Amino acid sequence: MYTGSQMPERQLQTEVQVDNTIVLSVGDGYHLRIGKDRIVYAGMVSEKVFSIAVRRWPFIYQGYAWNLFFPKGQREIRIDGVNLIVESVTAEQIVLRG
């Protein structure tokens, strides 16, 4: 039985290809860069809107997150100063290029 900080964190699976293409399924995370936030694909909240959660951990034991919402047709997004291009987005997966 695990208690408090002993509980293992779920390992998020992310596929990063050679050409810096990032493929995230719902719940999968990706660390943007050293010193930058982590993002998690949160799926589509409607037919025309998708969401990306941004996780920030300023201290090892404290963290917080918030959701960003984007129209499905938006091809360029900027998160924590990092420009990303949305290649494709579905309810199950998003493909980004950084």
PDB file of N, CA and C in Angstrom:
ATOM      1  N   MET A   1       0.839  -1.181   0.000  1.00  0.00           N
ATOM      2  CA  MET A   1       0.000   0.000   0.000  1.00  0.00           C
ATOM      3  C   MET A   1       0.883   1.242   0.000  1.00  0.00           C
ATOM      4  N   TYR A   2       0.513   2.207  -0.827  1.00  0.00           N
ATOM      5  CA  TYR A   2       1.279   3.439  -0.944  1.00  0.00           C
ATOM      6  C   TYR A   2       0.590   4.545  -0.158  1.00  0.00           C
ATOM      7  N   THR A   3       1.380   5.447   0.364  1.00  0.00           N
ATOM      8  CA  THR A   3       0.820   6.603   1.060  1.00  0.00           C
ATOM      9  C   THR A   3       1.513   7.858   0.581  1.00  0.00           C
ATOM     10  N   GLY A   4       0.765   8.928   0.482  1.00  0.00           N
ATOM     11  CA  GLY A   4       1.316  10.245   0.150  1.00  0.00           C
ATOM     12  C   GLY A   4       2.266  10.244  -1.018  1.00  0.00           C
ATOM     13  N   SER A   5       3.487  10.713  -0.791  1.00  0.00           N
ATOM     14  CA  SER A   5       4.454  10.882  -1.872  1.00  0.00           C
ATOM     15  C   SER A   5       5.059   9.569  -2.346  1.00  0.00           C
ATOM     16  N   GLN A   6       4.745   8.444  -1.676  1.00  0.00           N
ATOM     17  CA  GLN A   6       5.277   7.158  -2.101  1.00  0.00           C
ATOM     18  C   GLN A   6       4.531   6.596  -3.301  1.00  0.00           C
ATOM     19  N   MET A   7       3.347   7.093  -3.581  1.00  0.00           N
ATOM     20  CA  MET A   7       2.536   6.555  -4.665  1.00  0.00           C
ATOM     21  C   MET A   7       3.200   6.844  -6.007  1.00  0.00           C
ATOM     22  N   PRO A   8       3.430   5.816  -6.830  1.00  0.00           N
ATOM     23  CA  PRO A   8       4.097   6.047  -8.113  1.00  0.00           C
ATOM     24  C   PRO A   8       3.209   6.834  -9.067  1.00  0.00           C
ATOM     25  N   GLU A   9       3.822   7.778  -9.786  1.00  0.00           N
ATOM     26  CA  GLU A   9       3.079   8.582 -10.759  1.00  0.00           C
ATOM     27  C   GLU A   9       2.893   7.772 -12.032  1.00  0.00           C
ATOM     28  N   ARG A  10       1.720   7.882 -12.649  1.00  0.00           N
ATOM     29  CA  ARG A  10       1.444   7.180 -13.898  1.00  0.00           C
ATOM     30  C   ARG A  10       2.405   7.688 -14.967  1.00  0.00           C
ATOM     31  N   GLN A  11       3.084   6.774 -15.616  1.00  0.00           N
ATOM     32  CA  GLN A  11       4.004   7.137 -16.675  1.00  0.00           C
ATOM     33  C   GLN A  11       3.205   7.410 -17.945  1.00  0.00           C
ATOM     34  N   LEU A  12       3.282   8.622 -18.450  1.00  0.00           N
ATOM     35  CA  LEU A  12       2.555   9.001 -19.647  1.00  0.00           C
ATOM     36  C   LEU A  12       3.364   8.619 -20.875  1.00  0.00           C
ATOM     37  N   GLN A  13       2.718   7.988 -21.830  1.00  0.00           N
ATOM     38  CA  GLN A  13       3.383   7.537 -23.041  1.00  0.00           C
ATOM     39  C   GLN A  13       3.262   8.614 -24.118  1.00  0.00           C
ATOM     40  N   THR A  14       4.372   9.018 -24.665  1.00  0.00           N
ATOM     41  CA  THR A  14       4.405  10.023 -25.709  1.00  0.00           C
ATOM     42  C   THR A  14       5.274   9.514 -26.839  1.00  0.00           C
ATOM     43  N   GLU A  15       4.818   9.720 -28.044  1.00  0.00           N
ATOM     44  CA  GLU A  15       5.599   9.332 -29.208  1.00  0.00           C
ATOM     45  C   GLU A  15       6.191  10.593 -29.821  1.00  0.00           C
ATOM     46  N   VAL A  16       7.516  10.676 -29.866  1.00  0.00           N
ATOM     47  CA  VAL A  16       8.198  11.799 -30.503  1.00  0.00           C
ATOM     48  C   VAL A  16       9.015  11.227 -31.650  1.00  0.00           C
ATOM     49  N   GLN A  17       8.724  11.691 -32.849  1.00  0.00           N
ATOM     50  CA  GLN A  17       9.407  11.181 -34.024  1.00  0.00           C
ATOM     51  C   GLN A  17      10.621  12.038 -34.347  1.00  0.00           C
ATOM     52  N   VAL A  18      11.463  11.573 -35.256  1.00  0.00           N
ATOM     53  CA  VAL A  18      12.726  12.229 -35.577  1.00  0.00           C
ATOM     54  C   VAL A  18      12.528  13.668 -36.043  1.00  0.00           C
ATOM     55  N   ASP A  19      11.492  13.943 -36.797  1.00  0.00           N
ATOM     56  CA  ASP A  19      11.291  15.293 -37.318  1.00  0.00           C
ATOM     57  C   ASP A  19      10.597  16.207 -36.299  1.00  0.00           C
ATOM     58  N   ASN A  20      10.676  15.845 -35.015  1.00  0.00           N
ATOM     59  CA  ASN A  20      10.109  16.612 -33.907  1.00  0.00           C
ATOM     60  C   ASN A  20       8.586  16.690 -33.969  1.00  0.00           C
ATOM     61  N   THR A  21       7.962  15.630 -34.468  1.00  0.00           N
ATOM     62  CA  THR A  21       6.514  15.516 -34.445  1.00  0.00           C
ATOM     63  C   THR A  21       6.122  14.838 -33.140  1.00  0.00           C
ATOM     64  N   ILE A  22       5.153  15.398 -32.448  1.00  0.00           N
ATOM     65  CA  ILE A  22       4.710  14.890 -31.150  1.00  0.00           C
ATOM     66  C   ILE A  22       3.304  14.341 -31.314  1.00  0.00           C
ATOM     67  N   VAL A  23       3.098  13.085 -30.964  1.00  0.00           N
ATOM     68  CA  VAL A  23       1.788  12.451 -31.054  1.00  0.00           C
ATOM     69  C   VAL A  23       1.317  12.152 -29.639  1.00  0.00           C
ATOM     70  N   LEU A  24       0.211  12.781 -29.232  1.00  0.00           N
ATOM     71  CA  LEU A  24      -0.329  12.593 -27.888  1.00  0.00           C
ATOM     72  C   LEU A  24      -1.749  12.052 -27.961  1.00  0.00           C
ATOM     73  N   SER A  25      -2.008  10.982 -27.236  1.00  0.00           N
ATOM     74  CA  SER A  25      -3.378  10.508 -27.049  1.00  0.00           C
ATOM     75  C   SER A  25      -3.933  11.197 -25.809  1.00  0.00           C
ATOM     76  N   VAL A  26      -5.230  11.109 -25.597  1.00  0.00           N
ATOM     77  CA  VAL A  26      -5.844  11.740 -24.430  1.00  0.00           C
ATOM     78  C   VAL A  26      -5.155  11.230 -23.164  1.00  0.00           C
ATOM     79  N   GLY A  27      -4.729  12.157 -22.318  1.00  0.00           N
ATOM     80  CA  GLY A  27      -4.063  11.825 -21.068  1.00  0.00           C
ATOM     81  C   GLY A  27      -2.559  11.714 -21.162  1.00  0.00           C
ATOM     82  N   ASP A  28      -2.006  11.705 -22.372  1.00  0.00           N
ATOM     83  CA  ASP A  28      -0.559  11.629 -22.552  1.00  0.00           C
ATOM     84  C   ASP A  28       0.063  13.002 -22.371  1.00  0.00           C
ATOM     85  N   GLY A  29       1.270  13.010 -21.828  1.00  0.00           N
ATOM     86  CA  GLY A  29       1.944  14.268 -21.560  1.00  0.00           C
ATOM     87  C   GLY A  29       3.244  14.410 -22.321  1.00  0.00           C
ATOM     88  N   TYR A  30       3.745  15.644 -22.367  1.00  0.00           N
ATOM     89  CA  TYR A  30       4.977  15.967 -23.058  1.00  0.00           C
ATOM     90  C   TYR A  30       5.625  17.169 -22.381  1.00  0.00           C
ATOM     91  N   HIS A  31       6.929  17.089 -22.110  1.00  0.00           N
ATOM     92  CA  HIS A  31       7.669  18.209 -21.530  1.00  0.00           C
ATOM     93  C   HIS A  31       8.163  19.087 -22.673  1.00  0.00           C
ATOM     94  N   LEU A  32       7.707  20.332 -22.710  1.00  0.00           N
ATOM     95  CA  LEU A  32       8.014  21.209 -23.840  1.00  0.00           C
ATOM     96  C   LEU A  32       9.518  21.390 -24.041  1.00  0.00           C
ATOM     97  N   ARG A  33      10.215  21.782 -23.006  1.00  0.00           N
ATOM     98  CA  ARG A  33      11.668  21.963 -23.035  1.00  0.00           C
ATOM     99  C   ARG A  33      12.145  22.094 -21.600  1.00  0.00           C
ATOM    100  N   ILE A  34      13.454  22.031 -21.402  1.00  0.00           N
ATOM    101  CA  ILE A  34      14.001  22.249 -20.070  1.00  0.00           C
ATOM    102  C   ILE A  34      13.624  23.657 -19.628  1.00  0.00           C
ATOM    103  N   GLY A  35      13.094  23.770 -18.421  1.00  0.00           N
ATOM    104  CA  GLY A  35      12.684  25.065 -17.882  1.00  0.00           C
ATOM    105  C   GLY A  35      11.300  25.502 -18.328  1.00  0.00           C
ATOM    106  N   LYS A  36      10.615  24.674 -19.113  1.00  0.00           N
ATOM    107  CA  LYS A  36       9.272  25.000 -19.595  1.00  0.00           C
ATOM    108  C   LYS A  36       8.266  24.037 -18.981  1.00  0.00           C
ATOM    109  N   ASP A  37       6.992  24.314 -19.213  1.00  0.00           N
ATOM    110  CA  ASP A  37       5.922  23.509 -18.647  1.00  0.00           C
ATOM    111  C   ASP A  37       5.774  22.172 -19.362  1.00  0.00           C
ATOM    112  N   ARG A  38       4.953  21.327 -18.765  1.00  0.00           N
ATOM    113  CA  ARG A  38       4.537  20.068 -19.381  1.00  0.00           C
ATOM    114  C   ARG A  38       3.111  20.256 -19.877  1.00  0.00           C
ATOM    115  N   ILE A  39       2.782  19.601 -20.980  1.00  0.00           N
ATOM    116  CA  ILE A  39       1.418  19.666 -21.495  1.00  0.00           C
ATOM    117  C   ILE A  39       0.825  18.264 -21.510  1.00  0.00           C
ATOM    118  N   VAL A  40      -0.499  18.202 -21.414  1.00  0.00           N
ATOM    119  CA  VAL A  40      -1.240  16.948 -21.481  1.00  0.00           C
ATOM    120  C   VAL A  40      -2.411  17.169 -22.425  1.00  0.00           C
ATOM    121  N   TYR A  41      -2.597  16.270 -23.394  1.00  0.00           N
ATOM    122  CA  TYR A  41      -3.740  16.407 -24.291  1.00  0.00           C
ATOM    123  C   TYR A  41      -4.997  16.014 -23.534  1.00  0.00           C
ATOM    124  N   ALA A  42      -5.972  16.925 -23.479  1.00  0.00           N
ATOM    125  CA  ALA A  42      -7.198  16.713 -22.706  1.00  0.00           C
ATOM    126  C   ALA A  42      -8.390  16.371 -23.594  1.00  0.00           C
ATOM    127  N   GLY A  43      -8.170  16.191 -24.888  1.00  0.00           N
ATOM    128  CA  GLY A  43      -9.255  15.787 -25.772  1.00  0.00           C
ATOM    129  C   GLY A  43     -10.048  16.961 -26.325  1.00  0.00           C
ATOM    130  N   MET A  44     -11.203  16.627 -26.896  1.00  0.00           N
ATOM    131  CA  MET A  44     -12.069  17.644 -27.490  1.00  0.00           C
ATOM    132  C   MET A  44     -13.292  17.828 -26.603  1.00  0.00           C
ATOM    133  N   VAL A  45     -13.538  19.070 -26.236  1.00  0.00           N
ATOM    134  CA  VAL A  45     -14.687  19.361 -25.378  1.00  0.00           C
ATOM    135  C   VAL A  45     -15.963  19.528 -26.192  1.00  0.00           C
ATOM    136  N   SER A  46     -15.812  19.754 -27.480  1.00  0.00           N
ATOM    137  CA  SER A  46     -16.943  19.806 -28.399  1.00  0.00           C
ATOM    138  C   SER A  46     -16.422  19.445 -29.787  1.00  0.00           C
ATOM    139  N   GLU A  47     -17.293  19.452 -30.747  1.00  0.00           N
ATOM    140  CA  GLU A  47     -16.915  19.108 -32.114  1.00  0.00           C
ATOM    141  C   GLU A  47     -15.877  20.067 -32.698  1.00  0.00           C
ATOM    142  N   LYS A  48     -15.849  21.304 -32.201  1.00  0.00           N
ATOM    143  CA  LYS A  48     -14.990  22.330 -32.783  1.00  0.00           C
ATOM    144  C   LYS A  48     -13.912  22.874 -31.846  1.00  0.00           C
ATOM    145  N   VAL A  49     -13.784  22.300 -30.637  1.00  0.00           N
ATOM    146  CA  VAL A  49     -12.842  22.833 -29.651  1.00  0.00           C
ATOM    147  C   VAL A  49     -12.043  21.690 -29.015  1.00  0.00           C
ATOM    148  N   PHE A  50     -10.699  21.854 -28.972  1.00  0.00           N
ATOM    149  CA  PHE A  50      -9.864  20.886 -28.258  1.00  0.00           C
ATOM    150  C   PHE A  50      -9.175  21.568 -27.086  1.00  0.00           C
ATOM    151  N   SER A  51      -8.684  20.755 -26.151  1.00  0.00           N
ATOM    152  CA  SER A  51      -8.101  21.296 -24.929  1.00  0.00           C
ATOM    153  C   SER A  51      -6.741  20.663 -24.650  1.00  0.00           C
ATOM    154  N   ILE A  52      -5.834  21.494 -24.182  1.00  0.00           N
ATOM    155  CA  ILE A  52      -4.522  21.051 -23.718  1.00  0.00           C
ATOM    156  C   ILE A  52      -4.358  21.567 -22.291  1.00  0.00           C
ATOM    157  N   ALA A  53      -4.043  20.648 -21.384  1.00  0.00           N
ATOM    158  CA  ALA A  53      -3.784  21.035 -19.997  1.00  0.00           C
ATOM    159  C   ALA A  53      -2.300  21.363 -19.859  1.00  0.00           C
ATOM    160  N   VAL A  54      -2.014  22.415 -19.118  1.00  0.00           N
ATOM    161  CA  VAL A  54      -0.643  22.830 -18.870  1.00  0.00           C
ATOM    162  C   VAL A  54      -0.343  22.540 -17.401  1.00  0.00           C
ATOM    163  N   ARG A  55       0.724  21.781 -17.151  1.00  0.00           N
ATOM    164  CA  ARG A  55       1.114  21.432 -15.780  1.00  0.00           C
ATOM    165  C   ARG A  55       2.381  22.179 -15.413  1.00  0.00           C
ATOM    166  N   ARG A  56       2.382  22.774 -14.239  1.00  0.00           N
ATOM    167  CA  ARG A  56       3.561  23.482 -13.750  1.00  0.00           C
ATOM    168  C   ARG A  56       3.874  22.987 -12.348  1.00  0.00           C
ATOM    169  N   TRP A  57       5.142  22.648 -12.112  1.00  0.00           N
ATOM    170  CA  TRP A  57       5.596  22.155 -10.816  1.00  0.00           C
ATOM    171  C   TRP A  57       6.746  23.041 -10.331  1.00  0.00           C
ATOM    172  N   PRO A  58       6.442  24.190  -9.725  1.00  0.00           N
ATOM    173  CA  PRO A  58       7.527  25.059  -9.279  1.00  0.00           C
ATOM    174  C   PRO A  58       8.333  24.458  -8.124  1.00  0.00           C
ATOM    175  N   PHE A  59       7.711  23.563  -7.366  1.00  0.00           N
ATOM    176  CA  PHE A  59       8.388  22.872  -6.273  1.00  0.00           C
ATOM    177  C   PHE A  59       8.136  21.383  -6.441  1.00  0.00           C
ATOM    178  N   ILE A  60       9.006  20.580  -5.934  1.00  0.00           N
ATOM    179  CA  ILE A  60       8.892  19.130  -6.134  1.00  0.00           C
ATOM    180  C   ILE A  60       7.618  18.557  -5.518  1.00  0.00           C
ATOM    181  N   TYR A  61       7.087  19.191  -4.511  1.00  0.00           N
ATOM    182  CA  TYR A  61       5.916  18.659  -3.819  1.00  0.00           C
ATOM    183  C   TYR A  61       4.641  19.454  -4.086  1.00  0.00           C
ATOM    184  N   GLN A  62       4.709  20.492  -4.874  1.00  0.00           N
ATOM    185  CA  GLN A  62       3.533  21.298  -5.183  1.00  0.00           C
ATOM    186  C   GLN A  62       3.454  21.537  -6.681  1.00  0.00           C
ATOM    187  N   GLY A  63       2.260  21.516  -7.194  1.00  0.00           N
ATOM    188  CA  GLY A  63       2.083  21.799  -8.603  1.00  0.00           C
ATOM    189  C   GLY A  63       0.652  22.208  -8.876  1.00  0.00           C
ATOM    190  N   TYR A  64       0.426  22.708 -10.057  1.00  0.00           N
ATOM    191  CA  TYR A  64      -0.923  23.087 -10.450  1.00  0.00           C
ATOM    192  C   TYR A  64      -1.028  22.987 -11.964  1.00  0.00           C
ATOM    193  N   ALA A  65      -2.255  22.990 -12.442  1.00  0.00           N
ATOM    194  CA  ALA A  65      -2.492  22.852 -13.877  1.00  0.00           C
ATOM    195  C   ALA A  65      -3.718  23.655 -14.267  1.00  0.00           C
ATOM    196  N   TRP A  66      -3.799  23.987 -15.530  1.00  0.00           N
ATOM    197  CA  TRP A  66      -4.968  24.664 -16.061  1.00  0.00           C
ATOM    198  C   TRP A  66      -5.168  24.205 -17.500  1.00  0.00           C
ATOM    199  N   ASN A  67      -6.374  24.360 -17.994  1.00  0.00           N
ATOM    200  CA  ASN A  67      -6.693  23.945 -19.363  1.00  0.00           C
ATOM    201  C   ASN A  67      -6.713  25.150 -20.292  1.00  0.00           C
ATOM    202  N   LEU A  68      -6.164  24.950 -21.474  1.00  0.00           N
ATOM    203  CA  LEU A  68      -6.262  25.924 -22.555  1.00  0.00           C
ATOM    204  C   LEU A  68      -7.201  25.339 -23.598  1.00  0.00           C
ATOM    205  N   PHE A  69      -8.023  26.177 -24.196  1.00  0.00           N
ATOM    206  CA  PHE A  69      -8.996  25.733 -25.192  1.00  0.00           C
ATOM    207  C   PHE A  69      -8.691  26.423 -26.519  1.00  0.00           C
ATOM    208  N   PHE A  70      -8.704  25.635 -27.596  1.00  0.00           N
ATOM    209  CA  PHE A  70      -8.386  26.156 -28.912  1.00  0.00           C
ATOM    210  C   PHE A  70      -9.434  25.697 -29.915  1.00  0.00           C
ATOM    211  N   PRO A  71      -9.755  26.530 -30.914  1.00  0.00           N
ATOM    212  CA  PRO A  71     -10.649  26.068 -31.977  1.00  0.00           C
ATOM    213  C   PRO A  71      -9.953  24.990 -32.803  1.00  0.00           C
ATOM    214  N   LYS A  72     -10.704  24.020 -33.256  1.00  0.00           N
ATOM    215  CA  LYS A  72     -10.146  22.890 -33.992  1.00  0.00           C
ATOM    216  C   LYS A  72      -9.358  23.335 -35.221  1.00  0.00           C
ATOM    217  N   GLY A  73      -9.752  24.407 -35.850  1.00  0.00           N
ATOM    218  CA  GLY A  73      -9.082  24.878 -37.062  1.00  0.00           C
ATOM    219  C   GLY A  73      -7.802  25.646 -36.830  1.00  0.00           C
ATOM    220  N   GLN A  74      -7.455  25.959 -35.586  1.00  0.00           N
ATOM    221  CA  GLN A  74      -6.251  26.736 -35.314  1.00  0.00           C
ATOM    222  C   GLN A  74      -5.014  25.871 -35.542  1.00  0.00           C
ATOM    223  N   ARG A  75      -4.102  26.340 -36.354  1.00  0.00           N
ATOM    224  CA  ARG A  75      -2.929  25.554 -36.728  1.00  0.00           C
ATOM    225  C   ARG A  75      -1.665  25.938 -35.968  1.00  0.00           C
ATOM    226  N   GLU A  76      -1.606  27.137 -35.423  1.00  0.00           N
ATOM    227  CA  GLU A  76      -0.432  27.564 -34.661  1.00  0.00           C
ATOM    228  C   GLU A  76      -0.862  27.935 -33.251  1.00  0.00           C
ATOM    229  N   ILE A  77      -0.179  27.345 -32.255  1.00  0.00           N
ATOM    230  CA  ILE A  77      -0.463  27.683 -30.867  1.00  0.00           C
ATOM    231  C   ILE A  77       0.861  27.972 -30.166  1.00  0.00           C
ATOM    232  N   ARG A  78       0.793  28.737 -29.099  1.00  0.00           N
ATOM    233  CA  ARG A  78       1.980  29.096 -28.322  1.00  0.00           C
ATOM    234  C   ARG A  78       1.696  28.796 -26.863  1.00  0.00           C
ATOM    235  N   ILE A  79       2.525  27.933 -26.275  1.00  0.00           N
ATOM    236  CA  ILE A  79       2.358  27.555 -24.877  1.00  0.00           C
ATOM    237  C   ILE A  79       3.688  27.755 -24.167  1.00  0.00           C
ATOM    238  N   ASP A  80       3.686  28.550 -23.112  1.00  0.00           N
ATOM    239  CA  ASP A  80       4.886  28.850 -22.322  1.00  0.00           C
ATOM    240  C   ASP A  80       6.050  29.306 -23.208  1.00  0.00           C
ATOM    241  N   GLY A  81       5.735  30.122 -24.200  1.00  0.00           N
ATOM    242  CA  GLY A  81       6.757  30.677 -25.083  1.00  0.00           C
ATOM    243  C   GLY A  81       7.257  29.726 -26.160  1.00  0.00           C
ATOM    244  N   VAL A  82       6.631  28.552 -26.267  1.00  0.00           N
ATOM    245  CA  VAL A  82       7.035  27.563 -27.270  1.00  0.00           C
ATOM    246  C   VAL A  82       5.976  27.522 -28.368  1.00  0.00           C
ATOM    247  N   ASN A  83       6.397  27.753 -29.608  1.00  0.00           N
ATOM    248  CA  ASN A  83       5.482  27.702 -30.750  1.00  0.00           C
ATOM    249  C   ASN A  83       5.300  26.258 -31.199  1.00  0.00           C
ATOM    250  N   LEU A  84       4.048  25.869 -31.386  1.00  0.00           N
ATOM    251  CA  LEU A  84       3.709  24.524 -31.846  1.00  0.00           C
ATOM    252  C   LEU A  84       2.765  24.629 -33.031  1.00  0.00           C
ATOM    253  N   ILE A  85       2.913  23.724 -33.981  1.00  0.00           N
ATOM    254  CA  ILE A  85       2.011  23.661 -35.129  1.00  0.00           C
ATOM    255  C   ILE A  85       1.134  22.430 -34.945  1.00  0.00           C
ATOM    256  N   VAL A  86      -0.169  22.612 -35.079  1.00  0.00           N
ATOM    257  CA  VAL A  86      -1.117  21.514 -34.958  1.00  0.00           C
ATOM    258  C   VAL A  86      -1.256  20.872 -36.336  1.00  0.00           C
ATOM    259  N   GLU A  87      -0.752  19.661 -36.453  1.00  0.00           N
ATOM    260  CA  GLU A  87      -0.833  18.925 -37.716  1.00  0.00           C
ATOM    261  C   GLU A  87      -2.233  18.347 -37.907  1.00  0.00           C
ATOM    262  N   SER A  88      -2.753  17.696 -36.851  1.00  0.00           N
ATOM    263  CA  SER A  88      -4.106  17.137 -36.889  1.00  0.00           C
ATOM    264  C   SER A  88      -4.605  16.974 -35.462  1.00  0.00           C
ATOM    265  N   VAL A  89      -5.920  16.962 -35.325  1.00  0.00           N
ATOM    266  CA  VAL A  89      -6.513  16.777 -34.007  1.00  0.00           C
ATOM    267  C   VAL A  89      -7.818  15.998 -34.148  1.00  0.00           C
ATOM    268  N   THR A  90      -7.980  14.988 -33.292  1.00  0.00           N
ATOM    269  CA  THR A  90      -9.216  14.224 -33.200  1.00  0.00           C
ATOM    270  C   THR A  90      -9.573  14.124 -31.724  1.00  0.00           C
ATOM    271  N   ALA A  91     -10.706  13.524 -31.437  1.00  0.00           N
ATOM    272  CA  ALA A  91     -11.119  13.357 -30.041  1.00  0.00           C
ATOM    273  C   ALA A  91     -10.144  12.467 -29.270  1.00  0.00           C
ATOM    274  N   GLU A  92      -9.459  11.561 -29.959  1.00  0.00           N
ATOM    275  CA  GLU A  92      -8.567  10.611 -29.294  1.00  0.00           C
ATOM    276  C   GLU A  92      -7.096  11.022 -29.307  1.00  0.00           C
ATOM    277  N   GLN A  93      -6.684  11.875 -30.261  1.00  0.00           N
ATOM    278  CA  GLN A  93      -5.250  12.127 -30.423  1.00  0.00           C
ATOM    279  C   GLN A  93      -4.999  13.481 -31.087  1.00  0.00           C
ATOM    280  N   ILE A  94      -3.824  14.051 -30.757  1.00  0.00           N
ATOM    281  CA  ILE A  94      -3.383  15.284 -31.399  1.00  0.00           C
ATOM    282  C   ILE A  94      -1.964  15.066 -31.899  1.00  0.00           C
ATOM    283  N   VAL A  95      -1.654  15.632 -33.059  1.00  0.00           N
ATOM    284  CA  VAL A  95      -0.316  15.559 -33.637  1.00  0.00           C
ATOM    285  C   VAL A  95       0.207  16.987 -33.728  1.00  0.00           C
ATOM    286  N   LEU A  96       1.333  17.244 -33.043  1.00  0.00           N
ATOM    287  CA  LEU A  96       1.930  18.574 -32.990  1.00  0.00           C
ATOM    288  C   LEU A  96       3.322  18.506 -33.600  1.00  0.00           C
ATOM    289  N   ARG A  97       3.791  19.647 -34.089  1.00  0.00           N
ATOM    290  CA  ARG A  97       5.166  19.763 -34.553  1.00  0.00           C
ATOM    291  C   ARG A  97       5.766  20.963 -33.852  1.00  0.00           C
ATOM    292  N   GLY A  98       6.945  20.764 -33.265  1.00  0.00           N
ATOM    293  CA  GLY A  98       7.577  21.827 -32.482  1.00  0.00           C
ATOM    294  C   GLY A  98       8.799  22.389 -33.125  1.00  0.00           C
TER     295      GLY A  98
END
